[in-house]
Amino acid sequence: MINTNRTKAFLDSIWDDEIVPILADYIRIPNKSPAFDQNWAEHGYMDQAVKLRENWAQQKLSSLPGSALDVIRLPGRTPVIVIRCARPG
């Protein structure tokens, strides 16, 4: 049975200690979609934003054996982060 109080405390701590700070870092990157920045690839902001999210997610995935993260890059397209989570046990 799930202990809702422990689960809530865990999620609150992750939110306050990790998610809010990484969102603040993400917002500081002047990344814009290609619709608003035709030179997005040359500016490199998209790569900075992807690297920030990739690093955070890789740390989380280290506790989930068998899980993997890939960044898919196609010419002229924005990158996509794909995460596969393995089932425990």
C-alpha atoms as a PDB file:
ATOM      1  CA  MET A   1       0.000   0.000   0.000  1.00  0.00           C
ATOM      2  CA  ILE A   2       1.248   3.494  -0.828  1.00  0.00           C
ATOM      3  CA  ASN A   3       1.926   5.752   2.128  1.00  0.00           C
ATOM      4  CA  THR A   4       0.468   9.023   0.821  1.00  0.00           C
ATOM      5  CA  ASN A   5       2.117  11.163   3.504  1.00  0.00           C
ATOM      6  CA  ARG A   6       5.586   9.812   2.652  1.00  0.00           C
ATOM      7  CA  THR A   7       4.897  10.126  -1.050  1.00  0.00           C
ATOM      8  CA  LYS A   8       3.734  13.735  -0.679  1.00  0.00           C
ATOM      9  CA  ALA A   9       6.762  14.618   1.472  1.00  0.00           C
ATOM     10  CA  PHE A  10       9.083  13.041  -1.107  1.00  0.00           C
ATOM     11  CA  LEU A  11       7.463  14.880  -4.020  1.00  0.00           C
ATOM     12  CA  ASP A  12       7.447  18.185  -2.111  1.00  0.00           C
ATOM     13  CA  SER A  13      11.145  17.812  -1.378  1.00  0.00           C
ATOM     14  CA  ILE A  14      12.000  16.972  -5.015  1.00  0.00           C
ATOM     15  CA  TRP A  15       9.935  19.947  -6.177  1.00  0.00           C
ATOM     16  CA  ASP A  16      11.565  22.424  -3.800  1.00  0.00           C
ATOM     17  CA  ASP A  17      15.119  21.062  -3.862  1.00  0.00           C
ATOM     18  CA  GLU A  18      15.498  20.064  -7.505  1.00  0.00           C
ATOM     19  CA  ILE A  19      12.719  21.004  -9.896  1.00  0.00           C
ATOM     20  CA  VAL A  20      12.319  24.685  -8.996  1.00  0.00           C
ATOM     21  CA  PRO A  21      16.083  25.375  -9.169  1.00  0.00           C
ATOM     22  CA  ILE A  22      16.486  23.568 -12.504  1.00  0.00           C
ATOM     23  CA  LEU A  23      13.471  25.410 -13.922  1.00  0.00           C
ATOM     24  CA  ALA A  24      15.082  28.695 -12.863  1.00  0.00           C
ATOM     25  CA  ASP A  25      18.293  27.655 -14.657  1.00  0.00           C
ATOM     26  CA  TYR A  26      16.254  26.647 -17.717  1.00  0.00           C
ATOM     27  CA  ILE A  27      14.427  29.979 -17.838  1.00  0.00           C
ATOM     28  CA  ARG A  28      17.763  31.851 -17.806  1.00  0.00           C
ATOM     29  CA  ILE A  29      18.690  30.272 -21.146  1.00  0.00           C
ATOM     30  CA  PRO A  30      17.401  32.594 -23.903  1.00  0.00           C
ATOM     31  CA  ASN A  31      16.206  29.603 -25.925  1.00  0.00           C
ATOM     32  CA  LYS A  32      13.435  30.188 -28.446  1.00  0.00           C
ATOM     33  CA  SER A  33      11.635  27.874 -30.800  1.00  0.00           C
ATOM     34  CA  PRO A  34      12.587  28.046 -34.485  1.00  0.00           C
ATOM     35  CA  ALA A  35       9.364  30.008 -35.089  1.00  0.00           C
ATOM     36  CA  PHE A  36      10.893  32.900 -33.092  1.00  0.00           C
ATOM     37  CA  ASP A  37      14.616  32.342 -33.768  1.00  0.00           C
ATOM     38  CA  GLN A  38      15.470  31.250 -37.303  1.00  0.00           C
ATOM     39  CA  ASN A  39      19.126  30.907 -36.279  1.00  0.00           C
ATOM     40  CA  TRP A  40      18.379  28.727 -33.253  1.00  0.00           C
ATOM     41  CA  ALA A  41      20.954  26.076 -34.199  1.00  0.00           C
ATOM     42  CA  GLU A  42      23.771  28.603 -34.598  1.00  0.00           C
ATOM     43  CA  HIS A  43      22.918  30.361 -31.335  1.00  0.00           C
ATOM     44  CA  GLY A  44      23.249  27.089 -29.399  1.00  0.00           C
ATOM     45  CA  TYR A  45      20.650  27.921 -26.762  1.00  0.00           C
ATOM     46  CA  MET A  46      18.580  24.870 -27.637  1.00  0.00           C
ATOM     47  CA  ASP A  47      21.643  22.682 -27.053  1.00  0.00           C
ATOM     48  CA  GLN A  48      22.216  24.340 -23.669  1.00  0.00           C
ATOM     49  CA  ALA A  49      18.611  23.698 -22.646  1.00  0.00           C
ATOM     50  CA  VAL A  50      18.743  20.077 -23.806  1.00  0.00           C
ATOM     51  CA  LYS A  51      22.041  19.473 -21.979  1.00  0.00           C
ATOM     52  CA  LEU A  52      20.612  20.918 -18.756  1.00  0.00           C
ATOM     53  CA  ARG A  53      17.555  18.622 -18.896  1.00  0.00           C
ATOM     54  CA  GLU A  54      19.640  15.654 -20.053  1.00  0.00           C
ATOM     55  CA  ASN A  55      22.071  15.969 -17.129  1.00  0.00           C
ATOM     56  CA  TRP A  56      19.243  16.213 -14.585  1.00  0.00           C
ATOM     57  CA  ALA A  57      17.401  13.231 -16.045  1.00  0.00           C
ATOM     58  CA  GLN A  58      20.573  11.097 -16.261  1.00  0.00           C
ATOM     59  CA  GLN A  59      21.090  11.580 -12.525  1.00  0.00           C
ATOM     60  CA  LYS A  60      17.572  10.330 -11.867  1.00  0.00           C
ATOM     61  CA  LEU A  61      17.896   7.389 -14.240  1.00  0.00           C
ATOM     62  CA  SER A  62      21.029   6.156 -12.488  1.00  0.00           C
ATOM     63  CA  SER A  63      18.721   4.791  -9.776  1.00  0.00           C
ATOM     64  CA  LEU A  64      16.612   2.900 -12.356  1.00  0.00           C
ATOM     65  CA  PRO A  65      18.807   0.089 -13.773  1.00  0.00           C
ATOM     66  CA  GLY A  66      18.003  -0.735 -17.369  1.00  0.00           C
ATOM     67  CA  SER A  67      16.616   2.723 -18.101  1.00  0.00           C
ATOM     68  CA  ALA A  68      18.145   4.862 -20.820  1.00  0.00           C
ATOM     69  CA  LEU A  69      18.106   8.378 -22.207  1.00  0.00           C
ATOM     70  CA  ASP A  70      18.805   9.341 -25.794  1.00  0.00           C
ATOM     71  CA  VAL A  71      18.881  12.733 -27.459  1.00  0.00           C
ATOM     72  CA  ILE A  72      17.628  12.369 -31.015  1.00  0.00           C
ATOM     73  CA  ARG A  73      19.020  14.936 -33.451  1.00  0.00           C
ATOM     74  CA  LEU A  74      17.877  15.193 -37.042  1.00  0.00           C
ATOM     75  CA  PRO A  75      19.284  17.759 -39.487  1.00  0.00           C
ATOM     76  CA  GLY A  76      17.332  21.028 -39.350  1.00  0.00           C
ATOM     77  CA  ARG A  77      15.077  19.815 -36.515  1.00  0.00           C
ATOM     78  CA  THR A  78      15.094  20.616 -32.813  1.00  0.00           C
ATOM     79  CA  PRO A  79      16.441  17.846 -30.584  1.00  0.00           C
ATOM     80  CA  VAL A  80      14.131  15.446 -28.768  1.00  0.00           C
ATOM     81  CA  ILE A  81      14.917  13.743 -25.453  1.00  0.00           C
ATOM     82  CA  VAL A  82      13.645  10.152 -25.311  1.00  0.00           C
ATOM     83  CA  ILE A  83      13.651   8.349 -21.953  1.00  0.00           C
ATOM     84  CA  ARG A  84      12.957   4.655 -21.558  1.00  0.00           C
ATOM     85  CA  CYS A  85      12.265   3.541 -17.996  1.00  0.00           C
ATOM     86  CA  ALA A  86      12.772  -0.093 -17.090  1.00  0.00           C
ATOM     87  CA  ARG A  87      10.310  -1.826 -14.831  1.00  0.00           C
ATOM     88  CA  PRO A  88      11.716  -2.575 -11.398  1.00  0.00           C
ATOM     89  CA  GLY A  89      12.249  -6.232 -10.537  1.00  0.00           C
END
